[in-house]
Amino acid sequence: MPEPNSSARNITVAITGASGAIFPRILLDLLERDDRVSTVNLIVSDSGLRVMAEELEIAGRHELLPKLLGRAAQKIRQQNDDDIGANVASGSYPTDAMIVLPCSMGTLARIANGTANQLIERAADVCLKERRPLVLCVRETPFNHIHLRNMTLAAEAGATIFPVIPAFYFRPATTEEIAREFINRVLAHVGLPQADAYRWKGD
């Protein structure tokens, strides 16, 4: 029987109610395929589900992962945002990083101000208190003063503010390529660089 891989990564992904449902779909696909990842705990807010219904025409929580991935998930465990007693709500559970993508301004505000009534915010709070990587891929424009203040509060607490800002210097031909390269940047930030990521060569 093979020895367990002690270096395998355990990642939490949260999807909240901001535009950009294509991004977490690609993120989950890459994490599912990555041999360095053993477990992905997925939390989707009610508002996140509504955005997916609008943008991806995927409705409801039932069979969500096969609908998102186009196949059965082997590593991804779907958690209920109402379940404040789930594994990721405890600091004793070994999460290596948490990515909130997209991160709505409401979710940002609750994380920045320590309001952890739902699992997404509680899991983020655990990452902050345990000094684990927390990446908030905020999605809004323009930012008002409250948004900026909450980003500062979250950053001061230890989160990385990683706005959903696409790159164009690699000359993408499709929306999919734009989204994939953004995800490549996010994954590199949590220690999971992707082999096909664009690397600037310069002069």
N, C-alpha and C. Protein backbone atom coordinates (compact mmCIF):
# COMPACT_ATOMS: atom_id res chain seq x y z
N MET A 1 0.85 -1.19 0.00
CA MET A 1 0.00 0.00 0.00
C MET A 1 0.89 1.24 0.00
N PRO A 2 0.64 2.23 -0.91
CA PRO A 2 1.52 3.38 -1.00
C PRO A 2 1.46 4.24 0.24
N GLU A 3 2.60 4.88 0.55
CA GLU A 3 2.67 5.79 1.67
C GLU A 3 1.85 7.04 1.36
N PRO A 4 1.15 7.63 2.37
CA PRO A 4 0.42 8.86 2.11
C PRO A 4 1.38 9.99 1.80
N ASN A 5 0.97 10.89 0.94
CA ASN A 5 1.79 12.03 0.53
C ASN A 5 1.60 13.16 1.53
N SER A 6 2.58 13.32 2.43
CA SER A 6 2.46 14.32 3.49
C SER A 6 2.54 15.74 2.96
N SER A 7 3.06 15.90 1.73
CA SER A 7 3.20 17.24 1.16
C SER A 7 2.00 17.65 0.32
N ALA A 8 1.02 16.75 0.18
CA ALA A 8 -0.17 17.08 -0.62
C ALA A 8 -0.92 18.24 0.01
N ARG A 9 -1.42 19.12 -0.83
CA ARG A 9 -2.02 20.35 -0.35
C ARG A 9 -3.53 20.21 -0.15
N ASN A 10 -4.01 20.93 0.86
CA ASN A 10 -5.43 20.97 1.20
C ASN A 10 -5.88 22.42 1.03
N ILE A 11 -6.74 22.67 0.06
CA ILE A 11 -7.13 24.03 -0.30
C ILE A 11 -8.63 24.24 -0.07
N THR A 12 -8.97 25.40 0.48
CA THR A 12 -10.37 25.79 0.61
C THR A 12 -10.69 26.82 -0.47
N VAL A 13 -11.80 26.62 -1.16
CA VAL A 13 -12.25 27.57 -2.19
C VAL A 13 -13.66 28.03 -1.83
N ALA A 14 -13.86 29.34 -1.85
CA ALA A 14 -15.19 29.90 -1.61
C ALA A 14 -15.62 30.71 -2.83
N ILE A 15 -16.88 30.55 -3.21
CA ILE A 15 -17.46 31.28 -4.33
C ILE A 15 -18.59 32.14 -3.77
N THR A 16 -18.50 33.45 -3.98
CA THR A 16 -19.51 34.35 -3.44
C THR A 16 -20.21 35.11 -4.57
N GLY A 17 -21.12 36.00 -4.18
CA GLY A 17 -22.02 36.61 -5.15
C GLY A 17 -21.51 37.82 -5.88
N ALA A 18 -20.42 37.66 -6.61
CA ALA A 18 -19.92 38.72 -7.49
C ALA A 18 -19.78 38.14 -8.88
N SER A 19 -19.80 39.00 -9.89
CA SER A 19 -19.68 38.54 -11.26
C SER A 19 -18.33 37.87 -11.50
N GLY A 20 -18.32 36.90 -12.42
CA GLY A 20 -17.07 36.23 -12.77
C GLY A 20 -17.08 34.74 -12.47
N ALA A 21 -18.21 34.08 -12.69
CA ALA A 21 -18.34 32.65 -12.36
C ALA A 21 -17.40 31.76 -13.17
N ILE A 22 -16.92 32.26 -14.30
CA ILE A 22 -15.98 31.48 -15.11
C ILE A 22 -14.67 31.22 -14.36
N PHE A 23 -14.29 32.16 -13.49
CA PHE A 23 -13.02 32.04 -12.79
C PHE A 23 -12.99 30.86 -11.82
N PRO A 24 -13.94 30.71 -10.92
CA PRO A 24 -13.88 29.54 -10.02
C PRO A 24 -14.06 28.22 -10.75
N ARG A 25 -14.77 28.22 -11.86
CA ARG A 25 -14.91 26.97 -12.61
C ARG A 25 -13.54 26.50 -13.09
N ILE A 26 -12.74 27.42 -13.63
CA ILE A 26 -11.38 27.06 -14.08
C ILE A 26 -10.50 26.72 -12.90
N LEU A 27 -10.62 27.48 -11.80
CA LEU A 27 -9.83 27.20 -10.61
C LEU A 27 -10.08 25.79 -10.10
N LEU A 28 -11.33 25.40 -9.99
CA LEU A 28 -11.66 24.07 -9.48
C LEU A 28 -11.17 22.99 -10.43
N ASP A 29 -11.26 23.23 -11.72
CA ASP A 29 -10.78 22.25 -12.71
C ASP A 29 -9.27 22.03 -12.55
N LEU A 30 -8.51 23.11 -12.40
CA LEU A 30 -7.06 22.98 -12.27
C LEU A 30 -6.68 22.32 -10.95
N LEU A 31 -7.37 22.66 -9.87
CA LEU A 31 -7.07 22.02 -8.58
C LEU A 31 -7.41 20.54 -8.61
N GLU A 32 -8.50 20.19 -9.27
CA GLU A 32 -8.90 18.78 -9.38
C GLU A 32 -7.85 17.97 -10.15
N ARG A 33 -7.21 18.60 -11.13
CA ARG A 33 -6.22 17.91 -11.95
C ARG A 33 -4.81 17.91 -11.35
N ASP A 34 -4.57 18.74 -10.35
CA ASP A 34 -3.21 18.95 -9.83
C ASP A 34 -2.83 17.83 -8.85
N ASP A 35 -1.78 17.09 -9.17
CA ASP A 35 -1.34 15.98 -8.33
C ASP A 35 -0.82 16.45 -6.97
N ARG A 36 -0.49 17.73 -6.85
CA ARG A 36 0.01 18.25 -5.58
C ARG A 36 -1.12 18.54 -4.59
N VAL A 37 -2.35 18.47 -5.06
CA VAL A 37 -3.52 18.79 -4.24
C VAL A 37 -4.24 17.49 -3.87
N SER A 38 -4.49 17.31 -2.58
CA SER A 38 -5.20 16.11 -2.14
C SER A 38 -6.68 16.36 -1.91
N THR A 39 -7.01 17.57 -1.38
CA THR A 39 -8.39 17.86 -0.99
C THR A 39 -8.72 19.31 -1.29
N VAL A 40 -9.92 19.53 -1.81
CA VAL A 40 -10.44 20.89 -1.98
C VAL A 40 -11.79 20.95 -1.28
N ASN A 41 -11.90 21.83 -0.29
CA ASN A 41 -13.18 22.07 0.37
C ASN A 41 -13.83 23.28 -0.28
N LEU A 42 -14.98 23.07 -0.89
CA LEU A 42 -15.67 24.11 -1.65
C LEU A 42 -16.89 24.60 -0.89
N ILE A 43 -16.98 25.93 -0.73
CA ILE A 43 -18.14 26.56 -0.09
C ILE A 43 -18.71 27.57 -1.07
N VAL A 44 -19.99 27.47 -1.36
CA VAL A 44 -20.65 28.40 -2.28
C VAL A 44 -21.79 29.09 -1.55
N SER A 45 -21.77 30.40 -1.56
CA SER A 45 -22.86 31.14 -0.92
C SER A 45 -24.11 31.10 -1.78
N ASP A 46 -25.25 31.43 -1.19
CA ASP A 46 -26.49 31.49 -1.97
C ASP A 46 -26.38 32.50 -3.11
N SER A 47 -25.74 33.62 -2.84
CA SER A 47 -25.56 34.63 -3.89
C SER A 47 -24.63 34.14 -4.98
N GLY A 48 -23.62 33.35 -4.58
CA GLY A 48 -22.73 32.75 -5.58
C GLY A 48 -23.47 31.82 -6.50
N LEU A 49 -24.39 31.04 -5.95
CA LEU A 49 -25.21 30.16 -6.78
C LEU A 49 -26.06 30.95 -7.76
N ARG A 50 -26.58 32.08 -7.31
CA ARG A 50 -27.41 32.90 -8.19
C ARG A 50 -26.60 33.44 -9.37
N VAL A 51 -25.37 33.87 -9.09
CA VAL A 51 -24.52 34.38 -10.17
C VAL A 51 -24.20 33.26 -11.16
N MET A 52 -23.92 32.06 -10.66
CA MET A 52 -23.63 30.94 -11.56
C MET A 52 -24.84 30.62 -12.43
N ALA A 53 -26.02 30.74 -11.87
CA ALA A 53 -27.23 30.50 -12.66
C ALA A 53 -27.34 31.52 -13.78
N GLU A 54 -26.99 32.77 -13.48
CA GLU A 54 -27.09 33.84 -14.48
C GLU A 54 -26.00 33.72 -15.55
N GLU A 55 -24.76 33.45 -15.12
CA GLU A 55 -23.62 33.52 -16.03
C GLU A 55 -23.25 32.19 -16.68
N LEU A 56 -23.50 31.08 -15.98
CA LEU A 56 -23.13 29.77 -16.51
C LEU A 56 -24.34 28.89 -16.80
N GLU A 57 -25.54 29.37 -16.44
CA GLU A 57 -26.78 28.61 -16.59
C GLU A 57 -26.70 27.29 -15.84
N ILE A 58 -26.08 27.36 -14.64
CA ILE A 58 -26.01 26.21 -13.73
C ILE A 58 -26.89 26.54 -12.53
N ALA A 59 -27.90 25.74 -12.31
CA ALA A 59 -28.89 26.06 -11.27
C ALA A 59 -28.81 25.10 -10.10
N GLY A 60 -28.82 25.66 -8.89
CA GLY A 60 -28.95 24.88 -7.67
C GLY A 60 -27.68 24.20 -7.19
N ARG A 61 -27.76 23.65 -5.96
CA ARG A 61 -26.62 22.95 -5.37
C ARG A 61 -26.53 21.49 -5.80
N HIS A 62 -27.66 20.92 -6.21
CA HIS A 62 -27.69 19.50 -6.56
C HIS A 62 -26.83 19.24 -7.78
N GLU A 63 -25.90 18.27 -7.65
CA GLU A 63 -25.00 17.91 -8.75
C GLU A 63 -24.21 19.12 -9.25
N LEU A 64 -23.86 20.03 -8.34
CA LEU A 64 -23.16 21.25 -8.75
C LEU A 64 -21.80 20.97 -9.35
N LEU A 65 -21.02 20.11 -8.73
CA LEU A 65 -19.66 19.86 -9.21
C LEU A 65 -19.62 19.21 -10.59
N PRO A 66 -20.41 18.18 -10.86
CA PRO A 66 -20.41 17.65 -12.24
C PRO A 66 -20.85 18.69 -13.27
N LYS A 67 -21.76 19.58 -12.86
CA LYS A 67 -22.19 20.64 -13.79
C LYS A 67 -21.06 21.63 -14.05
N LEU A 68 -20.30 21.95 -13.02
CA LEU A 68 -19.20 22.90 -13.17
C LEU A 68 -18.03 22.30 -13.94
N LEU A 69 -17.67 21.05 -13.60
CA LEU A 69 -16.47 20.43 -14.16
C LEU A 69 -16.72 19.63 -15.43
N GLY A 70 -17.98 19.24 -15.64
CA GLY A 70 -18.27 18.37 -16.77
C GLY A 70 -17.89 16.92 -16.50
N ARG A 71 -17.63 16.60 -15.24
CA ARG A 71 -17.26 15.23 -14.84
C ARG A 71 -17.41 15.13 -13.33
N ALA A 72 -17.33 13.94 -12.82
CA ALA A 72 -17.40 13.76 -11.36
C ALA A 72 -16.13 14.27 -10.72
N ALA A 73 -16.25 14.84 -9.53
CA ALA A 73 -15.10 15.35 -8.80
C ALA A 73 -14.54 14.26 -7.89
N GLN A 74 -13.22 14.14 -7.84
CA GLN A 74 -12.57 13.15 -6.99
C GLN A 74 -12.03 13.76 -5.70
N LYS A 75 -11.61 15.02 -5.76
CA LYS A 75 -10.94 15.65 -4.62
C LYS A 75 -11.80 16.72 -3.94
N ILE A 76 -12.81 17.20 -4.63
CA ILE A 76 -13.55 18.36 -4.14
C ILE A 76 -14.72 17.92 -3.26
N ARG A 77 -14.78 18.49 -2.07
CA ARG A 77 -15.86 18.21 -1.13
C ARG A 77 -16.69 19.48 -0.96
N GLN A 78 -17.94 19.39 -1.29
CA GLN A 78 -18.81 20.57 -1.18
C GLN A 78 -19.31 20.72 0.25
N GLN A 79 -19.12 21.90 0.82
CA GLN A 79 -19.54 22.21 2.17
C GLN A 79 -20.73 23.17 2.12
N ASN A 80 -21.55 23.14 3.16
CA ASN A 80 -22.71 24.02 3.23
C ASN A 80 -22.32 25.30 3.96
N ASP A 81 -22.62 26.44 3.36
CA ASP A 81 -22.26 27.73 3.96
C ASP A 81 -22.95 27.95 5.30
N ASP A 82 -24.03 27.23 5.55
CA ASP A 82 -24.73 27.34 6.84
C ASP A 82 -24.11 26.47 7.93
N ASP A 83 -23.20 25.58 7.56
CA ASP A 83 -22.64 24.61 8.50
C ASP A 83 -21.42 25.19 9.20
N ILE A 84 -21.67 25.94 10.26
CA ILE A 84 -20.58 26.59 10.98
C ILE A 84 -19.71 25.59 11.74
N GLY A 85 -20.15 24.32 11.78
CA GLY A 85 -19.37 23.27 12.44
C GLY A 85 -18.59 22.40 11.47
N ALA A 86 -18.48 22.81 10.22
CA ALA A 86 -17.74 22.03 9.22
C ALA A 86 -16.24 22.01 9.54
N ASN A 87 -15.51 21.12 8.90
CA ASN A 87 -14.09 20.95 9.20
C ASN A 87 -13.29 22.24 9.09
N VAL A 88 -13.54 23.04 8.04
CA VAL A 88 -12.74 24.24 7.81
C VAL A 88 -13.04 25.36 8.80
N ALA A 89 -14.03 25.15 9.67
CA ALA A 89 -14.35 26.15 10.69
C ALA A 89 -13.44 26.04 11.91
N SER A 90 -12.56 25.04 11.91
CA SER A 90 -11.68 24.82 13.06
C SER A 90 -10.23 25.00 12.68
N GLY A 91 -9.47 25.65 13.56
CA GLY A 91 -8.05 25.81 13.33
C GLY A 91 -7.28 24.51 13.41
N SER A 92 -7.87 23.48 14.00
CA SER A 92 -7.20 22.18 14.09
C SER A 92 -7.24 21.43 12.76
N TYR A 93 -8.08 21.88 11.84
CA TYR A 93 -8.16 21.24 10.53
C TYR A 93 -7.05 21.81 9.64
N PRO A 94 -6.23 20.96 9.01
CA PRO A 94 -5.03 21.42 8.30
C PRO A 94 -5.28 21.96 6.90
N THR A 95 -5.75 23.19 6.82
CA THR A 95 -5.91 23.86 5.53
C THR A 95 -4.62 24.59 5.18
N ASP A 96 -4.16 24.43 3.94
CA ASP A 96 -2.92 25.09 3.52
C ASP A 96 -3.15 26.49 2.98
N ALA A 97 -4.32 26.75 2.41
CA ALA A 97 -4.64 28.08 1.88
C ALA A 97 -6.12 28.14 1.58
N MET A 98 -6.65 29.37 1.57
CA MET A 98 -8.04 29.59 1.19
C MET A 98 -8.10 30.66 0.12
N ILE A 99 -8.89 30.41 -0.92
CA ILE A 99 -9.07 31.34 -2.02
C ILE A 99 -10.55 31.68 -2.11
N VAL A 100 -10.89 32.96 -2.04
CA VAL A 100 -12.26 33.41 -2.21
C VAL A 100 -12.34 34.06 -3.58
N LEU A 101 -13.05 33.40 -4.51
CA LEU A 101 -13.07 33.85 -5.90
C LEU A 101 -14.42 33.53 -6.54
N PRO A 102 -15.13 34.56 -6.98
CA PRO A 102 -14.90 35.97 -6.70
C PRO A 102 -15.31 36.32 -5.27
N CYS A 103 -14.71 37.39 -4.76
CA CYS A 103 -15.02 37.84 -3.40
C CYS A 103 -15.87 39.11 -3.49
N SER A 104 -17.11 39.00 -3.10
CA SER A 104 -18.00 40.16 -3.14
C SER A 104 -17.60 41.17 -2.07
N MET A 105 -18.07 42.39 -2.21
CA MET A 105 -17.76 43.42 -1.23
C MET A 105 -18.42 43.12 0.12
N GLY A 106 -19.57 42.46 0.11
CA GLY A 106 -20.22 42.06 1.35
C GLY A 106 -19.40 41.02 2.09
N THR A 107 -18.88 40.03 1.36
CA THR A 107 -18.02 39.01 1.97
C THR A 107 -16.75 39.65 2.51
N LEU A 108 -16.14 40.52 1.71
CA LEU A 108 -14.95 41.24 2.17
C LEU A 108 -15.22 41.97 3.47
N ALA A 109 -16.35 42.68 3.55
CA ALA A 109 -16.68 43.47 4.74
C ALA A 109 -16.79 42.57 5.96
N ARG A 110 -17.45 41.42 5.80
CA ARG A 110 -17.63 40.52 6.95
C ARG A 110 -16.30 39.91 7.39
N ILE A 111 -15.44 39.56 6.43
CA ILE A 111 -14.13 39.02 6.79
C ILE A 111 -13.28 40.09 7.46
N ALA A 112 -13.27 41.29 6.89
CA ALA A 112 -12.43 42.37 7.41
C ALA A 112 -12.83 42.78 8.81
N ASN A 113 -14.11 42.63 9.13
CA ASN A 113 -14.61 43.07 10.43
C ASN A 113 -14.92 41.94 11.39
N GLY A 114 -14.50 40.73 11.04
CA GLY A 114 -14.61 39.59 11.95
C GLY A 114 -16.01 39.10 12.19
N THR A 115 -16.91 39.35 11.24
CA THR A 115 -18.29 38.87 11.37
C THR A 115 -18.39 37.51 10.69
N ALA A 116 -18.37 36.46 11.48
CA ALA A 116 -18.26 35.11 10.94
C ALA A 116 -19.50 34.29 11.24
N ASN A 117 -20.64 34.71 10.72
CA ASN A 117 -21.89 33.99 10.96
C ASN A 117 -22.09 32.82 10.00
N GLN A 118 -21.43 32.86 8.86
CA GLN A 118 -21.53 31.80 7.87
C GLN A 118 -20.16 31.13 7.72
N LEU A 119 -20.16 29.96 7.08
CA LEU A 119 -18.93 29.17 7.01
C LEU A 119 -17.83 29.87 6.21
N ILE A 120 -18.18 30.56 5.13
CA ILE A 120 -17.15 31.23 4.34
C ILE A 120 -16.34 32.19 5.20
N GLU A 121 -17.06 33.05 5.93
CA GLU A 121 -16.36 34.04 6.74
C GLU A 121 -15.62 33.38 7.91
N ARG A 122 -16.21 32.34 8.49
CA ARG A 122 -15.55 31.63 9.59
C ARG A 122 -14.27 30.96 9.10
N ALA A 123 -14.31 30.30 7.94
CA ALA A 123 -13.11 29.65 7.40
C ALA A 123 -12.02 30.68 7.12
N ALA A 124 -12.42 31.85 6.60
CA ALA A 124 -11.46 32.93 6.35
C ALA A 124 -10.86 33.43 7.66
N ASP A 125 -11.72 33.57 8.68
CA ASP A 125 -11.26 34.02 9.99
C ASP A 125 -10.25 33.04 10.58
N VAL A 126 -10.48 31.75 10.38
CA VAL A 126 -9.55 30.73 10.86
C VAL A 126 -8.20 30.90 10.17
N CYS A 127 -8.20 31.13 8.86
CA CYS A 127 -6.94 31.34 8.14
C CYS A 127 -6.18 32.53 8.70
N LEU A 128 -6.89 33.60 9.00
CA LEU A 128 -6.23 34.79 9.54
C LEU A 128 -5.64 34.52 10.92
N LYS A 129 -6.42 33.87 11.79
CA LYS A 129 -5.92 33.66 13.15
C LYS A 129 -4.80 32.63 13.20
N GLU A 130 -4.79 31.69 12.25
CA GLU A 130 -3.75 30.67 12.21
C GLU A 130 -2.58 31.09 11.29
N ARG A 131 -2.65 32.29 10.75
CA ARG A 131 -1.60 32.82 9.86
C ARG A 131 -1.41 31.95 8.62
N ARG A 132 -2.54 31.52 8.05
CA ARG A 132 -2.50 30.74 6.82
C ARG A 132 -2.86 31.64 5.64
N PRO A 133 -2.37 31.32 4.44
CA PRO A 133 -2.67 32.18 3.28
C PRO A 133 -4.17 32.30 3.02
N LEU A 134 -4.62 33.53 2.89
CA LEU A 134 -6.01 33.84 2.54
C LEU A 134 -5.98 34.82 1.39
N VAL A 135 -6.50 34.39 0.24
CA VAL A 135 -6.47 35.21 -0.97
C VAL A 135 -7.89 35.65 -1.30
N LEU A 136 -8.12 36.96 -1.28
CA LEU A 136 -9.44 37.52 -1.55
C LEU A 136 -9.43 38.15 -2.94
N CYS A 137 -10.06 37.47 -3.89
CA CYS A 137 -10.10 37.96 -5.27
C CYS A 137 -11.33 38.86 -5.43
N VAL A 138 -11.16 40.10 -5.00
CA VAL A 138 -12.28 41.02 -4.95
C VAL A 138 -12.72 41.42 -6.34
N ARG A 139 -14.03 41.64 -6.47
CA ARG A 139 -14.62 41.94 -7.77
C ARG A 139 -15.67 43.03 -7.61
N GLU A 140 -15.30 44.25 -7.98
CA GLU A 140 -16.22 45.39 -7.95
C GLU A 140 -15.57 46.54 -8.70
N THR A 141 -16.37 47.45 -9.20
CA THR A 141 -15.82 48.66 -9.78
C THR A 141 -16.92 49.70 -9.94
N PRO A 142 -16.65 50.95 -9.61
CA PRO A 142 -15.46 51.42 -8.92
C PRO A 142 -15.53 51.08 -7.44
N PHE A 143 -14.40 51.19 -6.75
CA PHE A 143 -14.37 50.99 -5.31
C PHE A 143 -14.76 52.27 -4.59
N ASN A 144 -15.62 52.15 -3.58
CA ASN A 144 -15.89 53.32 -2.76
C ASN A 144 -14.98 53.30 -1.52
N HIS A 145 -15.10 54.30 -0.69
CA HIS A 145 -14.20 54.42 0.47
C HIS A 145 -14.36 53.24 1.43
N ILE A 146 -15.60 52.75 1.58
CA ILE A 146 -15.84 51.60 2.47
C ILE A 146 -15.12 50.37 1.93
N HIS A 147 -15.21 50.13 0.62
CA HIS A 147 -14.52 48.99 0.01
C HIS A 147 -13.02 49.07 0.27
N LEU A 148 -12.45 50.24 0.02
CA LEU A 148 -11.01 50.42 0.19
C LEU A 148 -10.59 50.26 1.64
N ARG A 149 -11.40 50.77 2.55
CA ARG A 149 -11.09 50.63 3.97
C ARG A 149 -11.14 49.17 4.39
N ASN A 150 -12.12 48.43 3.90
CA ASN A 150 -12.21 47.01 4.25
C ASN A 150 -11.07 46.21 3.65
N MET A 151 -10.63 46.56 2.46
CA MET A 151 -9.47 45.89 1.87
C MET A 151 -8.24 46.13 2.73
N THR A 152 -8.07 47.36 3.21
CA THR A 152 -6.94 47.68 4.07
C THR A 152 -7.01 46.88 5.38
N LEU A 153 -8.20 46.83 5.98
CA LEU A 153 -8.36 46.06 7.22
C LEU A 153 -8.01 44.59 7.02
N ALA A 154 -8.51 44.01 5.92
CA ALA A 154 -8.24 42.60 5.64
C ALA A 154 -6.75 42.37 5.39
N ALA A 155 -6.12 43.27 4.65
CA ALA A 155 -4.69 43.14 4.37
C ALA A 155 -3.87 43.28 5.64
N GLU A 156 -4.25 44.20 6.50
CA GLU A 156 -3.54 44.37 7.77
C GLU A 156 -3.68 43.14 8.66
N ALA A 157 -4.79 42.42 8.51
CA ALA A 157 -5.01 41.20 9.30
C ALA A 157 -4.27 40.00 8.72
N GLY A 158 -3.74 40.13 7.50
CA GLY A 158 -2.95 39.05 6.92
C GLY A 158 -3.44 38.52 5.59
N ALA A 159 -4.58 38.99 5.10
CA ALA A 159 -5.09 38.52 3.81
C ALA A 159 -4.32 39.16 2.65
N THR A 160 -4.34 38.49 1.52
CA THR A 160 -3.82 39.05 0.28
C THR A 160 -5.00 39.52 -0.55
N ILE A 161 -5.00 40.80 -0.92
CA ILE A 161 -6.05 41.34 -1.78
C ILE A 161 -5.60 41.14 -3.22
N PHE A 162 -6.35 40.33 -3.96
CA PHE A 162 -5.94 39.90 -5.31
C PHE A 162 -7.08 40.21 -6.27
N PRO A 163 -7.24 41.49 -6.66
CA PRO A 163 -8.40 41.88 -7.48
C PRO A 163 -8.49 41.09 -8.79
N VAL A 164 -9.70 40.85 -9.23
CA VAL A 164 -9.91 40.16 -10.51
C VAL A 164 -9.63 41.16 -11.63
N ILE A 165 -8.36 41.28 -11.95
CA ILE A 165 -7.91 42.19 -13.01
C ILE A 165 -7.18 41.35 -14.04
N PRO A 166 -7.71 41.22 -15.24
CA PRO A 166 -7.08 40.36 -16.25
C PRO A 166 -5.84 41.01 -16.85
N ALA A 167 -4.94 40.17 -17.36
CA ALA A 167 -3.75 40.63 -18.08
C ALA A 167 -3.98 40.46 -19.58
N PHE A 168 -3.32 41.32 -20.35
CA PHE A 168 -3.46 41.25 -21.81
C PHE A 168 -2.11 41.20 -22.52
N TYR A 169 -1.00 41.30 -21.76
CA TYR A 169 0.31 41.33 -22.40
C TYR A 169 0.69 40.01 -23.04
N PHE A 170 -0.01 38.91 -22.71
CA PHE A 170 0.28 37.63 -23.36
C PHE A 170 -0.62 37.40 -24.58
N ARG A 171 -1.38 38.45 -24.95
CA ARG A 171 -2.22 38.45 -26.16
C ARG A 171 -3.23 37.30 -26.19
N PRO A 172 -4.12 37.27 -25.22
CA PRO A 172 -5.14 36.20 -25.18
C PRO A 172 -6.10 36.32 -26.36
N ALA A 173 -6.54 35.17 -26.85
CA ALA A 173 -7.47 35.16 -27.98
C ALA A 173 -8.91 34.94 -27.53
N THR A 174 -9.11 34.42 -26.33
CA THR A 174 -10.46 34.10 -25.87
C THR A 174 -10.63 34.53 -24.41
N THR A 175 -11.90 34.62 -24.00
CA THR A 175 -12.21 34.90 -22.60
C THR A 175 -11.66 33.80 -21.70
N GLU A 176 -11.71 32.57 -22.17
CA GLU A 176 -11.19 31.43 -21.41
C GLU A 176 -9.70 31.61 -21.12
N GLU A 177 -8.93 32.06 -22.10
CA GLU A 177 -7.50 32.26 -21.90
C GLU A 177 -7.24 33.37 -20.89
N ILE A 178 -8.04 34.42 -20.94
CA ILE A 178 -7.89 35.52 -19.97
C ILE A 178 -8.12 35.00 -18.55
N ALA A 179 -9.21 34.25 -18.38
CA ALA A 179 -9.54 33.74 -17.05
C ALA A 179 -8.50 32.73 -16.57
N ARG A 180 -8.04 31.87 -17.46
CA ARG A 180 -7.08 30.84 -17.07
C ARG A 180 -5.76 31.45 -16.61
N GLU A 181 -5.32 32.50 -17.29
CA GLU A 181 -4.05 33.11 -16.90
C GLU A 181 -4.17 33.81 -15.55
N PHE A 182 -5.34 34.39 -15.27
CA PHE A 182 -5.55 34.98 -13.95
C PHE A 182 -5.48 33.89 -12.87
N ILE A 183 -6.11 32.75 -13.13
CA ILE A 183 -6.08 31.64 -12.17
C ILE A 183 -4.65 31.13 -11.99
N ASN A 184 -3.89 31.09 -13.07
CA ASN A 184 -2.48 30.69 -12.96
C ASN A 184 -1.74 31.58 -11.96
N ARG A 185 -2.02 32.88 -12.01
CA ARG A 185 -1.37 33.82 -11.10
C ARG A 185 -1.79 33.56 -9.65
N VAL A 186 -3.07 33.30 -9.45
CA VAL A 186 -3.58 33.02 -8.11
C VAL A 186 -2.93 31.75 -7.55
N LEU A 187 -2.89 30.70 -8.35
CA LEU A 187 -2.33 29.43 -7.89
C LEU A 187 -0.83 29.55 -7.60
N ALA A 188 -0.12 30.31 -8.41
CA ALA A 188 1.30 30.53 -8.13
C ALA A 188 1.48 31.22 -6.78
N HIS A 189 0.55 32.11 -6.46
CA HIS A 189 0.64 32.86 -5.21
C HIS A 189 0.48 31.95 -3.98
N VAL A 190 -0.25 30.85 -4.11
CA VAL A 190 -0.41 29.92 -2.98
C VAL A 190 0.51 28.71 -3.11
N GLY A 191 1.54 28.83 -3.95
CA GLY A 191 2.53 27.77 -4.04
C GLY A 191 2.21 26.64 -4.98
N LEU A 192 1.31 26.89 -5.93
CA LEU A 192 0.94 25.86 -6.91
C LEU A 192 1.12 26.41 -8.33
N PRO A 193 2.34 26.76 -8.71
CA PRO A 193 2.56 27.28 -10.07
C PRO A 193 2.17 26.26 -11.13
N GLN A 194 1.58 26.76 -12.21
CA GLN A 194 1.11 25.90 -13.28
C GLN A 194 2.10 25.89 -14.44
N ALA A 195 2.30 24.73 -15.03
CA ALA A 195 3.31 24.57 -16.07
C ALA A 195 3.04 25.43 -17.30
N ASP A 196 1.75 25.68 -17.60
CA ASP A 196 1.42 26.42 -18.82
C ASP A 196 1.24 27.92 -18.56
N ALA A 197 1.61 28.40 -17.38
CA ALA A 197 1.45 29.83 -17.08
C ALA A 197 2.40 30.65 -17.94
N TYR A 198 1.92 31.83 -18.34
CA TYR A 198 2.76 32.73 -19.13
C TYR A 198 3.83 33.34 -18.24
N ARG A 199 5.06 33.37 -18.74
CA ARG A 199 6.16 33.97 -18.00
C ARG A 199 6.80 35.05 -18.85
N TRP A 200 6.82 36.25 -18.33
CA TRP A 200 7.37 37.39 -19.06
C TRP A 200 8.88 37.22 -19.21
N LYS A 201 9.36 37.33 -20.45
CA LYS A 201 10.78 37.11 -20.71
C LYS A 201 11.56 38.43 -20.72
N GLY A 202 10.88 39.52 -21.05
CA GLY A 202 11.57 40.81 -21.08
C GLY A 202 12.57 40.88 -22.20
N ASP A 203 13.49 41.86 -22.12
CA ASP A 203 14.51 42.05 -23.16
C ASP A 203 15.77 41.27 -22.83
